[in-house]
Amino acid sequence: MSFKSNRTFEERKRIIEMVAVFIVVFVLIGISRLESRLFVLSETLTQNPEISTTITYFALINLNVVLVLVLSFLIFRNVAKLVIERRRGVLGSRLRTKLVVSLVFLR
């Protein structure tokens, strides 16, 4: 009995992970499409003949977006782990709650 419950738990965990991967992929595709539209818009507005500065700005925008996504993922993951630990009554979960809350407010 215990083996089946663990197996179904693992299956649910894998399904949740796959859904999360698909959501992240769709978000990344959407952001890249948005950035490409912003790139075209910025070119029409600036009319700058120097392509190197435009590419530099585009690269910096991409870097910022990726870093914000990574930071958001880390915060979401910490909050999810925190909720699970609080439900299980893990020792030290209150301290971890304070640390995660401070991380969220520092963002």
PDB file of N, CA and C in Angstrom:
ATOM      1  N   MET A   1       0.816  -1.192   0.000  1.00  0.00           N
ATOM      2  CA  MET A   1       0.000   0.000   0.000  1.00  0.00           C
ATOM      3  C   MET A   1       0.859   1.255   0.000  1.00  0.00           C
ATOM      4  N   SER A   2       1.850   1.262   0.829  1.00  0.00           N
ATOM      5  CA  SER A   2       2.712   2.425   0.951  1.00  0.00           C
ATOM      6  C   SER A   2       3.465   2.699  -0.342  1.00  0.00           C
ATOM      7  N   PHE A   3       3.855   1.640  -1.047  1.00  0.00           N
ATOM      8  CA  PHE A   3       4.583   1.796  -2.296  1.00  0.00           C
ATOM      9  C   PHE A   3       3.707   2.471  -3.339  1.00  0.00           C
ATOM     10  N   LYS A   4       2.414   2.083  -3.396  1.00  0.00           N
ATOM     11  CA  LYS A   4       1.508   2.701  -4.360  1.00  0.00           C
ATOM     12  C   LYS A   4       1.290   4.169  -4.048  1.00  0.00           C
ATOM     13  N   SER A   5       1.153   4.515  -2.781  1.00  0.00           N
ATOM     14  CA  SER A   5       0.929   5.915  -2.434  1.00  0.00           C
ATOM     15  C   SER A   5       2.155   6.749  -2.753  1.00  0.00           C
ATOM     16  N   ASN A   6       3.351   6.180  -2.539  1.00  0.00           N
ATOM     17  CA  ASN A   6       4.567   6.895  -2.908  1.00  0.00           C
ATOM     18  C   ASN A   6       4.674   7.044  -4.409  1.00  0.00           C
ATOM     19  N   ARG A   7       4.268   6.014  -5.122  1.00  0.00           N
ATOM     20  CA  ARG A   7       4.340   6.074  -6.573  1.00  0.00           C
ATOM     21  C   ARG A   7       3.379   7.112  -7.121  1.00  0.00           C
ATOM     22  N   THR A   8       2.178   7.173  -6.599  1.00  0.00           N
ATOM     23  CA  THR A   8       1.236   8.175  -7.081  1.00  0.00           C
ATOM     24  C   THR A   8       1.707   9.566  -6.700  1.00  0.00           C
ATOM     25  N   PHE A   9       2.336   9.685  -5.541  1.00  0.00           N
ATOM     26  CA  PHE A   9       2.883  10.980  -5.141  1.00  0.00           C
ATOM     27  C   PHE A   9       3.986  11.404  -6.108  1.00  0.00           C
ATOM     28  N   GLU A  10       4.846  10.476  -6.480  1.00  0.00           N
ATOM     29  CA  GLU A  10       5.919  10.773  -7.433  1.00  0.00           C
ATOM     30  C   GLU A  10       5.349  11.120  -8.799  1.00  0.00           C
ATOM     31  N   GLU A  11       4.299  10.422  -9.209  1.00  0.00           N
ATOM     32  CA  GLU A  11       3.669  10.726 -10.492  1.00  0.00           C
ATOM     33  C   GLU A  11       3.060  12.122 -10.485  1.00  0.00           C
ATOM     34  N   ARG A  12       2.391  12.464  -9.392  1.00  0.00           N
ATOM     35  CA  ARG A  12       1.831  13.815  -9.285  1.00  0.00           C
ATOM     36  C   ARG A  12       2.933  14.864  -9.294  1.00  0.00           C
ATOM     37  N   LYS A  13       4.019  14.560  -8.608  1.00  0.00           N
ATOM     38  CA  LYS A  13       5.150  15.489  -8.566  1.00  0.00           C
ATOM     39  C   LYS A  13       5.714  15.704  -9.966  1.00  0.00           C
ATOM     40  N   ARG A  14       5.853  14.653 -10.736  1.00  0.00           N
ATOM     41  CA  ARG A  14       6.371  14.755 -12.112  1.00  0.00           C
ATOM     42  C   ARG A  14       5.417  15.542 -12.995  1.00  0.00           C
ATOM     43  N   ILE A  15       4.125  15.330 -12.817  1.00  0.00           N
ATOM     44  CA  ILE A  15       3.140  16.071 -13.608  1.00  0.00           C
ATOM     45  C   ILE A  15       3.224  17.553 -13.291  1.00  0.00           C
ATOM     46  N   ILE A  16       3.326  17.889 -12.017  1.00  0.00           N
ATOM     47  CA  ILE A  16       3.441  19.290 -11.612  1.00  0.00           C
ATOM     48  C   ILE A  16       4.714  19.904 -12.179  1.00  0.00           C
ATOM     49  N   GLU A  17       5.805  19.149 -12.165  1.00  0.00           N
ATOM     50  CA  GLU A  17       7.060  19.655 -12.729  1.00  0.00           C
ATOM     51  C   GLU A  17       6.926  19.904 -14.227  1.00  0.00           C
ATOM     52  N   MET A  18       6.264  18.996 -14.936  1.00  0.00           N
ATOM     53  CA  MET A  18       6.088  19.174 -16.380  1.00  0.00           C
ATOM     54  C   MET A  18       5.214  20.392 -16.682  1.00  0.00           C
ATOM     55  N   VAL A  19       4.164  20.585 -15.899  1.00  0.00           N
ATOM     56  CA  VAL A  19       3.311  21.759 -16.081  1.00  0.00           C
ATOM     57  C   VAL A  19       4.118  23.033 -15.837  1.00  0.00           C
ATOM     58  N   ALA A  20       4.950  23.014 -14.802  1.00  0.00           N
ATOM     59  CA  ALA A  20       5.782  24.182 -14.512  1.00  0.00           C
ATOM     60  C   ALA A  20       6.760  24.459 -15.648  1.00  0.00           C
ATOM     61  N   VAL A  21       7.326  23.412 -16.218  1.00  0.00           N
ATOM     62  CA  VAL A  21       8.252  23.595 -17.340  1.00  0.00           C
ATOM     63  C   VAL A  21       7.522  24.215 -18.535  1.00  0.00           C
ATOM     64  N   PHE A  22       6.331  23.711 -18.844  1.00  0.00           N
ATOM     65  CA  PHE A  22       5.573  24.264 -19.961  1.00  0.00           C
ATOM     66  C   PHE A  22       5.197  25.723 -19.718  1.00  0.00           C
ATOM     67  N   ILE A  23       4.819  26.057 -18.497  1.00  0.00           N
ATOM     68  CA  ILE A  23       4.479  27.448 -18.183  1.00  0.00           C
ATOM     69  C   ILE A  23       5.695  28.345 -18.364  1.00  0.00           C
ATOM     70  N   VAL A  24       6.854  27.906 -17.890  1.00  0.00           N
ATOM     71  CA  VAL A  24       8.078  28.702 -18.038  1.00  0.00           C
ATOM     72  C   VAL A  24       8.428  28.879 -19.506  1.00  0.00           C
ATOM     73  N   VAL A  25       8.276  27.820 -20.298  1.00  0.00           N
ATOM     74  CA  VAL A  25       8.575  27.916 -21.733  1.00  0.00           C
ATOM     75  C   VAL A  25       7.639  28.915 -22.400  1.00  0.00           C
ATOM     76  N   PHE A  26       6.354  28.849 -22.107  1.00  0.00           N
ATOM     77  CA  PHE A  26       5.414  29.789 -22.704  1.00  0.00           C
ATOM     78  C   PHE A  26       5.693  31.222 -22.265  1.00  0.00           C
ATOM     79  N   VAL A  27       6.060  31.417 -21.014  1.00  0.00           N
ATOM     80  CA  VAL A  27       6.401  32.759 -20.537  1.00  0.00           C
ATOM     81  C   VAL A  27       7.633  33.282 -21.258  1.00  0.00           C
ATOM     82  N   LEU A  28       8.644  32.439 -21.427  1.00  0.00           N
ATOM     83  CA  LEU A  28       9.856  32.862 -22.134  1.00  0.00           C
ATOM     84  C   LEU A  28       9.565  33.192 -23.598  1.00  0.00           C
ATOM     85  N   ILE A  29       8.722  32.405 -24.248  1.00  0.00           N
ATOM     86  CA  ILE A  29       8.351  32.698 -25.635  1.00  0.00           C
ATOM     87  C   ILE A  29       7.603  34.024 -25.710  1.00  0.00           C
ATOM     88  N   GLY A  30       6.677  34.233 -24.785  1.00  0.00           N
ATOM     89  CA  GLY A  30       5.932  35.491 -24.772  1.00  0.00           C
ATOM     90  C   GLY A  30       6.822  36.690 -24.531  1.00  0.00           C
ATOM     91  N   ILE A  31       7.754  36.559 -23.618  1.00  0.00           N
ATOM     92  CA  ILE A  31       8.657  37.672 -23.334  1.00  0.00           C
ATOM     93  C   ILE A  31       9.568  37.951 -24.519  1.00  0.00           C
ATOM     94  N   SER A  32      10.043  36.899 -25.178  1.00  0.00           N
ATOM     95  CA  SER A  32      10.913  37.126 -26.338  1.00  0.00           C
ATOM     96  C   SER A  32      10.147  37.793 -27.477  1.00  0.00           C
ATOM     97  N   ARG A  33       8.887  37.426 -27.667  1.00  0.00           N
ATOM     98  CA  ARG A  33       8.074  38.092 -28.691  1.00  0.00           C
ATOM     99  C   ARG A  33       7.848  39.560 -28.330  1.00  0.00           C
ATOM    100  N   LEU A  34       7.586  39.817 -27.063  1.00  0.00           N
ATOM    101  CA  LEU A  34       7.411  41.194 -26.619  1.00  0.00           C
ATOM    102  C   LEU A  34       8.682  42.005 -26.822  1.00  0.00           C
ATOM    103  N   GLU A  35       9.815  41.403 -26.498  1.00  0.00           N
ATOM    104  CA  GLU A  35      11.077  42.102 -26.676  1.00  0.00           C
ATOM    105  C   GLU A  35      11.363  42.382 -28.141  1.00  0.00           C
ATOM    106  N   SER A  36      11.024  41.459 -29.012  1.00  0.00           N
ATOM    107  CA  SER A  36      11.267  41.703 -30.437  1.00  0.00           C
ATOM    108  C   SER A  36      10.408  42.858 -30.930  1.00  0.00           C
ATOM    109  N   ARG A  37       9.195  42.954 -30.427  1.00  0.00           N
ATOM    110  CA  ARG A  37       8.355  44.101 -30.800  1.00  0.00           C
ATOM    111  C   ARG A  37       8.919  45.401 -30.231  1.00  0.00           C
ATOM    112  N   LEU A  38       9.438  45.349 -29.013  1.00  0.00           N
ATOM    113  CA  LEU A  38      10.063  46.533 -28.435  1.00  0.00           C
ATOM    114  C   LEU A  38      11.310  46.932 -29.222  1.00  0.00           C
ATOM    115  N   PHE A  39      12.032  45.952 -29.716  1.00  0.00           N
ATOM    116  CA  PHE A  39      13.227  46.213 -30.510  1.00  0.00           C
ATOM    117  C   PHE A  39      12.867  46.951 -31.792  1.00  0.00           C
ATOM    118  N   VAL A  40      11.820  46.510 -32.479  1.00  0.00           N
ATOM    119  CA  VAL A  40      11.383  47.171 -33.708  1.00  0.00           C
ATOM    120  C   VAL A  40      10.881  48.573 -33.389  1.00  0.00           C
ATOM    121  N   LEU A  41      10.152  48.708 -32.314  1.00  0.00           N
ATOM    122  CA  LEU A  41       9.638  50.011 -31.919  1.00  0.00           C
ATOM    123  C   LEU A  41      10.765  50.972 -31.579  1.00  0.00           C
ATOM    124  N   SER A  42      11.760  50.506 -30.861  1.00  0.00           N
ATOM    125  CA  SER A  42      12.870  51.386 -30.502  1.00  0.00           C
ATOM    126  C   SER A  42      13.672  51.786 -31.725  1.00  0.00           C
ATOM    127  N   GLU A  43      13.777  50.913 -32.715  1.00  0.00           N
ATOM    128  CA  GLU A  43      14.492  51.282 -33.941  1.00  0.00           C
ATOM    129  C   GLU A  43      13.746  52.357 -34.705  1.00  0.00           C
ATOM    130  N   THR A  44      12.459  52.253 -34.769  1.00  0.00           N
ATOM    131  CA  THR A  44      11.703  53.264 -35.496  1.00  0.00           C
ATOM    132  C   THR A  44      11.711  54.591 -34.765  1.00  0.00           C
ATOM    133  N   LEU A  45      11.764  54.556 -33.454  1.00  0.00           N
ATOM    134  CA  LEU A  45      11.764  55.808 -32.697  1.00  0.00           C
ATOM    135  C   LEU A  45      13.113  56.507 -32.724  1.00  0.00           C
ATOM    136  N   THR A  46      14.172  55.777 -32.642  1.00  0.00           N
ATOM    137  CA  THR A  46      15.490  56.411 -32.547  1.00  0.00           C
ATOM    138  C   THR A  46      16.078  56.771 -33.890  1.00  0.00           C
ATOM    139  N   GLN A  47      15.812  55.939 -34.912  1.00  0.00           N
ATOM    140  CA  GLN A  47      16.389  56.156 -36.239  1.00  0.00           C
ATOM    141  C   GLN A  47      17.899  56.332 -36.162  1.00  0.00           C
ATOM    142  N   ASN A  48      18.517  55.539 -35.310  1.00  0.00           N
ATOM    143  CA  ASN A  48      19.955  55.592 -35.089  1.00  0.00           C
ATOM    144  C   ASN A  48      20.648  54.702 -36.121  1.00  0.00           C
ATOM    145  N   PRO A  49      21.596  55.251 -36.905  1.00  0.00           N
ATOM    146  CA  PRO A  49      22.268  54.430 -37.912  1.00  0.00           C
ATOM    147  C   PRO A  49      23.253  53.430 -37.307  1.00  0.00           C
ATOM    148  N   GLU A  50      23.643  53.641 -36.060  1.00  0.00           N
ATOM    149  CA  GLU A  50      24.589  52.726 -35.430  1.00  0.00           C
ATOM    150  C   GLU A  50      23.852  51.517 -34.882  1.00  0.00           C
ATOM    151  N   ILE A  51      24.071  50.391 -35.520  1.00  0.00           N
ATOM    152  CA  ILE A  51      23.380  49.172 -35.106  1.00  0.00           C
ATOM    153  C   ILE A  51      23.989  48.597 -33.832  1.00  0.00           C
ATOM    154  N   SER A  52      25.250  48.898 -33.558  1.00  0.00           N
ATOM    155  CA  SER A  52      25.909  48.314 -32.388  1.00  0.00           C
ATOM    156  C   SER A  52      25.281  48.796 -31.085  1.00  0.00           C
ATOM    157  N   THR A  53      24.900  50.053 -31.016  1.00  0.00           N
ATOM    158  CA  THR A  53      24.268  50.537 -29.785  1.00  0.00           C
ATOM    159  C   THR A  53      22.889  49.912 -29.594  1.00  0.00           C
ATOM    160  N   THR A  54      22.168  49.737 -30.687  1.00  0.00           N
ATOM    161  CA  THR A  54      20.847  49.126 -30.602  1.00  0.00           C
ATOM    162  C   THR A  54      20.961  47.677 -30.145  1.00  0.00           C
ATOM    163  N   ILE A  55      21.931  46.949 -30.673  1.00  0.00           N
ATOM    164  CA  ILE A  55      22.125  45.560 -30.265  1.00  0.00           C
ATOM    165  C   ILE A  55      22.562  45.489 -28.800  1.00  0.00           C
ATOM    166  N   THR A  56      23.386  46.435 -28.390  1.00  0.00           N
ATOM    167  CA  THR A  56      23.820  46.468 -26.991  1.00  0.00           C
ATOM    168  C   THR A  56      22.634  46.672 -26.052  1.00  0.00           C
ATOM    169  N   TYR A  57      21.756  47.614 -26.397  1.00  0.00           N
ATOM    170  CA  TYR A  57      20.568  47.841 -25.569  1.00  0.00           C
ATOM    171  C   TYR A  57      19.667  46.609 -25.552  1.00  0.00           C
ATOM    172  N   PHE A  58      19.523  45.977 -26.692  1.00  0.00           N
ATOM    173  CA  PHE A  58      18.698  44.778 -26.774  1.00  0.00           C
ATOM    174  C   PHE A  58      19.277  43.661 -25.900  1.00  0.00           C
ATOM    175  N   ALA A  59      20.582  43.502 -25.922  1.00  0.00           N
ATOM    176  CA  ALA A  59      21.232  42.483 -25.089  1.00  0.00           C
ATOM    177  C   ALA A  59      21.062  42.796 -23.611  1.00  0.00           C
ATOM    178  N   LEU A  60      21.175  44.060 -23.242  1.00  0.00           N
ATOM    179  CA  LEU A  60      21.001  44.440 -21.838  1.00  0.00           C
ATOM    180  C   LEU A  60      19.563  44.214 -21.372  1.00  0.00           C
ATOM    181  N   ILE A  61      18.605  44.489 -22.227  1.00  0.00           N
ATOM    182  CA  ILE A  61      17.203  44.236 -21.873  1.00  0.00           C
ATOM    183  C   ILE A  61      16.985  42.745 -21.677  1.00  0.00           C
ATOM    184  N   ASN A  62      17.539  41.930 -22.586  1.00  0.00           N
ATOM    185  CA  ASN A  62      17.409  40.468 -22.445  1.00  0.00           C
ATOM    186  C   ASN A  62      18.039  39.976 -21.156  1.00  0.00           C
ATOM    187  N   LEU A  63      19.202  40.481 -20.821  1.00  0.00           N
ATOM    188  CA  LEU A  63      19.875  40.084 -19.592  1.00  0.00           C
ATOM    189  C   LEU A  63      19.039  40.431 -18.371  1.00  0.00           C
ATOM    190  N   ASN A  64      18.465  41.623 -18.371  1.00  0.00           N
ATOM    191  CA  ASN A  64      17.616  42.037 -17.247  1.00  0.00           C
ATOM    192  C   ASN A  64      16.386  41.151 -17.111  1.00  0.00           C
ATOM    193  N   VAL A  65      15.768  40.816 -18.220  1.00  0.00           N
ATOM    194  CA  VAL A  65      14.571  39.979 -18.180  1.00  0.00           C
ATOM    195  C   VAL A  65      14.907  38.593 -17.652  1.00  0.00           C
ATOM    196  N   VAL A  66      16.008  38.023 -18.117  1.00  0.00           N
ATOM    197  CA  VAL A  66      16.408  36.693 -17.653  1.00  0.00           C
ATOM    198  C   VAL A  66      16.709  36.724 -16.159  1.00  0.00           C
ATOM    199  N   LEU A  67      17.401  37.745 -15.699  1.00  0.00           N
ATOM    200  CA  LEU A  67      17.722  37.837 -14.273  1.00  0.00           C
ATOM    201  C   LEU A  67      16.470  38.004 -13.416  1.00  0.00           C
ATOM    202  N   VAL A  68      15.524  38.774 -13.886  1.00  0.00           N
ATOM    203  CA  VAL A  68      14.266  38.945 -13.145  1.00  0.00           C
ATOM    204  C   VAL A  68      13.501  37.623 -13.100  1.00  0.00           C
ATOM    205  N   LEU A  69      13.494  36.883 -14.211  1.00  0.00           N
ATOM    206  CA  LEU A  69      12.822  35.577 -14.215  1.00  0.00           C
ATOM    207  C   LEU A  69      13.491  34.602 -13.262  1.00  0.00           C
ATOM    208  N   VAL A  70      14.810  34.585 -13.232  1.00  0.00           N
ATOM    209  CA  VAL A  70      15.522  33.688 -12.317  1.00  0.00           C
ATOM    210  C   VAL A  70      15.225  34.065 -10.870  1.00  0.00           C
ATOM    211  N   LEU A  71      15.249  35.360 -10.571  1.00  0.00           N
ATOM    212  CA  LEU A  71      14.952  35.809  -9.212  1.00  0.00           C
ATOM    213  C   LEU A  71      13.515  35.462  -8.819  1.00  0.00           C
ATOM    214  N   SER A  72      12.575  35.651  -9.724  1.00  0.00           N
ATOM    215  CA  SER A  72      11.181  35.308  -9.438  1.00  0.00           C
ATOM    216  C   SER A  72      11.018  33.808  -9.208  1.00  0.00           C
ATOM    217  N   PHE A  73      11.710  33.003 -10.013  1.00  0.00           N
ATOM    218  CA  PHE A  73      11.643  31.557  -9.829  1.00  0.00           C
ATOM    219  C   PHE A  73      12.188  31.155  -8.466  1.00  0.00           C
ATOM    220  N   LEU A  74      13.312  31.740  -8.072  1.00  0.00           N
ATOM    221  CA  LEU A  74      13.900  31.395  -6.780  1.00  0.00           C
ATOM    222  C   LEU A  74      12.988  31.787  -5.621  1.00  0.00           C
ATOM    223  N   ILE A  75      12.377  32.939  -5.724  1.00  0.00           N
ATOM    224  CA  ILE A  75      11.462  33.380  -4.669  1.00  0.00           C
ATOM    225  C   ILE A  75      10.239  32.460  -4.612  1.00  0.00           C
ATOM    226  N   PHE A  76       9.679  32.128  -5.779  1.00  0.00           N
ATOM    227  CA  PHE A  76       8.519  31.238  -5.811  1.00  0.00           C
ATOM    228  C   PHE A  76       8.866  29.876  -5.239  1.00  0.00           C
ATOM    229  N   ARG A  77      10.032  29.360  -5.586  1.00  0.00           N
ATOM    230  CA  ARG A  77      10.457  28.052  -5.085  1.00  0.00           C
ATOM    231  C   ARG A  77      10.628  28.073  -3.566  1.00  0.00           C
ATOM    232  N   ASN A  78      11.230  29.148  -3.043  1.00  0.00           N
ATOM    233  CA  ASN A  78      11.409  29.251  -1.594  1.00  0.00           C
ATOM    234  C   ASN A  78      10.074  29.345  -0.869  1.00  0.00           C
ATOM    235  N   VAL A  79       9.142  30.081  -1.434  1.00  0.00           N
ATOM    236  CA  VAL A  79       7.829  30.206  -0.805  1.00  0.00           C
ATOM    237  C   VAL A  79       7.109  28.862  -0.831  1.00  0.00           C
ATOM    238  N   ALA A  80       7.215  28.124  -1.938  1.00  0.00           N
ATOM    239  CA  ALA A  80       6.570  26.814  -2.020  1.00  0.00           C
ATOM    240  C   ALA A  80       7.178  25.846  -1.008  1.00  0.00           C
ATOM    241  N   LYS A  81       8.490  25.839  -0.890  1.00  0.00           N
ATOM    242  CA  LYS A  81       9.140  24.979   0.100  1.00  0.00           C
ATOM    243  C   LYS A  81       8.745  25.383   1.513  1.00  0.00           C
ATOM    244  N   LEU A  82       8.618  26.667   1.719  1.00  0.00           N
ATOM    245  CA  LEU A  82       8.236  27.171   3.028  1.00  0.00           C
ATOM    246  C   LEU A  82       6.851  26.696   3.423  1.00  0.00           C
ATOM    247  N   VAL A  83       5.926  26.764   2.499  1.00  0.00           N
ATOM    248  CA  VAL A  83       4.555  26.318   2.780  1.00  0.00           C
ATOM    249  C   VAL A  83       4.544  24.828   3.117  1.00  0.00           C
ATOM    250  N   ILE A  84       5.295  24.040   2.370  1.00  0.00           N
ATOM    251  CA  ILE A  84       5.363  22.598   2.626  1.00  0.00           C
ATOM    252  C   ILE A  84       5.976  22.326   3.994  1.00  0.00           C
ATOM    253  N   GLU A  85       7.051  23.024   4.326  1.00  0.00           N
ATOM    254  CA  GLU A  85       7.693  22.824   5.631  1.00  0.00           C
ATOM    255  C   GLU A  85       6.783  23.242   6.778  1.00  0.00           C
ATOM    256  N   ARG A  86       6.056  24.332   6.599  1.00  0.00           N
ATOM    257  CA  ARG A  86       5.146  24.785   7.666  1.00  0.00           C
ATOM    258  C   ARG A  86       4.038  23.763   7.899  1.00  0.00           C
ATOM    259  N   ARG A  87       3.538  23.164   6.820  1.00  0.00           N
ATOM    260  CA  ARG A  87       2.477  22.163   6.962  1.00  0.00           C
ATOM    261  C   ARG A  87       2.978  20.912   7.669  1.00  0.00           C
ATOM    262  N   ARG A  88       4.216  20.548   7.412  1.00  0.00           N
ATOM    263  CA  ARG A  88       4.790  19.356   8.030  1.00  0.00           C
ATOM    264  C   ARG A  88       5.301  19.627   9.440  1.00  0.00           C
ATOM    265  N   GLY A  89       5.432  20.876   9.819  1.00  0.00           N
ATOM    266  CA  GLY A  89       5.910  21.212  11.147  1.00  0.00           C
ATOM    267  C   GLY A  89       7.400  20.982  11.318  1.00  0.00           C
ATOM    268  N   VAL A  90       8.172  21.263  10.293  1.00  0.00           N
ATOM    269  CA  VAL A  90       9.617  21.043  10.330  1.00  0.00           C
ATOM    270  C   VAL A  90      10.258  22.042  11.292  1.00  0.00           C
ATOM    271  N   LEU A  91      11.240  21.537  12.035  1.00  0.00           N
ATOM    272  CA  LEU A  91      11.955  22.378  12.974  1.00  0.00           C
ATOM    273  C   LEU A  91      12.707  23.487  12.210  1.00  0.00           C
ATOM    274  N   GLY A  92      12.549  24.716  12.640  1.00  0.00           N
ATOM    275  CA  GLY A  92      13.235  25.840  12.007  1.00  0.00           C
ATOM    276  C   GLY A  92      12.440  26.498  10.900  1.00  0.00           C
ATOM    277  N   SER A  93      11.215  26.061  10.699  1.00  0.00           N
ATOM    278  CA  SER A  93      10.422  26.644   9.613  1.00  0.00           C
ATOM    279  C   SER A  93      10.024  28.090   9.904  1.00  0.00           C
ATOM    280  N   ARG A  94       9.917  28.446  11.164  1.00  0.00           N
ATOM    281  CA  ARG A  94       9.579  29.840  11.498  1.00  0.00           C
ATOM    282  C   ARG A  94      10.731  30.771  11.147  1.00  0.00           C
ATOM    283  N   LEU A  95      11.964  30.333  11.417  1.00  0.00           N
ATOM    284  CA  LEU A  95      13.129  31.135  11.042  1.00  0.00           C
ATOM    285  C   LEU A  95      13.218  31.265   9.528  1.00  0.00           C
ATOM    286  N   ARG A  96      12.955  30.177   8.848  1.00  0.00           N
ATOM    287  CA  ARG A  96      12.988  30.212   7.390  1.00  0.00           C
ATOM    288  C   ARG A  96      11.902  31.144   6.853  1.00  0.00           C
ATOM    289  N   THR A  97      10.749  31.171   7.515  1.00  0.00           N
ATOM    290  CA  THR A  97       9.689  32.094   7.110  1.00  0.00           C
ATOM    291  C   THR A  97      10.181  33.531   7.176  1.00  0.00           C
ATOM    292  N   LYS A  98      10.846  33.866   8.240  1.00  0.00           N
ATOM    293  CA  LYS A  98      11.367  35.228   8.385  1.00  0.00           C
ATOM    294  C   LYS A  98      12.399  35.546   7.309  1.00  0.00           C
ATOM    295  N   LEU A  99      13.243  34.586   6.990  1.00  0.00           N
ATOM    296  CA  LEU A  99      14.253  34.814   5.959  1.00  0.00           C
ATOM    297  C   LEU A  99      13.635  34.999   4.586  1.00  0.00           C
ATOM    298  N   VAL A 100      12.650  34.188   4.254  1.00  0.00           N
ATOM    299  CA  VAL A 100      11.993  34.302   2.941  1.00  0.00           C
ATOM    300  C   VAL A 100      11.228  35.614   2.840  1.00  0.00           C
ATOM    301  N   VAL A 101      10.555  36.001   3.903  1.00  0.00           N
ATOM    302  CA  VAL A 101       9.828  37.273   3.886  1.00  0.00           C
ATOM    303  C   VAL A 101      10.778  38.441   3.689  1.00  0.00           C
ATOM    304  N   SER A 102      11.931  38.394   4.359  1.00  0.00           N
ATOM    305  CA  SER A 102      12.904  39.467   4.182  1.00  0.00           C
ATOM    306  C   SER A 102      13.451  39.466   2.757  1.00  0.00           C
ATOM    307  N   LEU A 103      13.647  38.306   2.146  1.00  0.00           N
ATOM    308  CA  LEU A 103      14.099  38.233   0.763  1.00  0.00           C
ATOM    309  C   LEU A 103      13.069  38.833  -0.186  1.00  0.00           C
ATOM    310  N   VAL A 104      11.808  38.524   0.059  1.00  0.00           N
ATOM    311  CA  VAL A 104      10.757  39.050  -0.808  1.00  0.00           C
ATOM    312  C   VAL A 104      10.689  40.579  -0.702  1.00  0.00           C
ATOM    313  N   PHE A 105      10.835  41.112   0.490  1.00  0.00           N
ATOM    314  CA  PHE A 105      10.773  42.564   0.646  1.00  0.00           C
ATOM    315  C   PHE A 105      12.018  43.266   0.145  1.00  0.00           C
ATOM    316  N   LEU A 106      13.136  42.576   0.099  1.00  0.00           N
ATOM    317  CA  LEU A 106      14.345  43.194  -0.447  1.00  0.00           C
ATOM    318  C   LEU A 106      14.326  43.245  -1.963  1.00  0.00           C
ATOM    319  N   ARG A 107      13.515  42.425  -2.559  1.00  0.00           N
ATOM    320  CA  ARG A 107      13.412  42.429  -4.014  1.00  0.00           C
ATOM    321  C   ARG A 107      12.790  43.698  -4.448  1.00  0.00           C
TER     322      ARG A 107
END
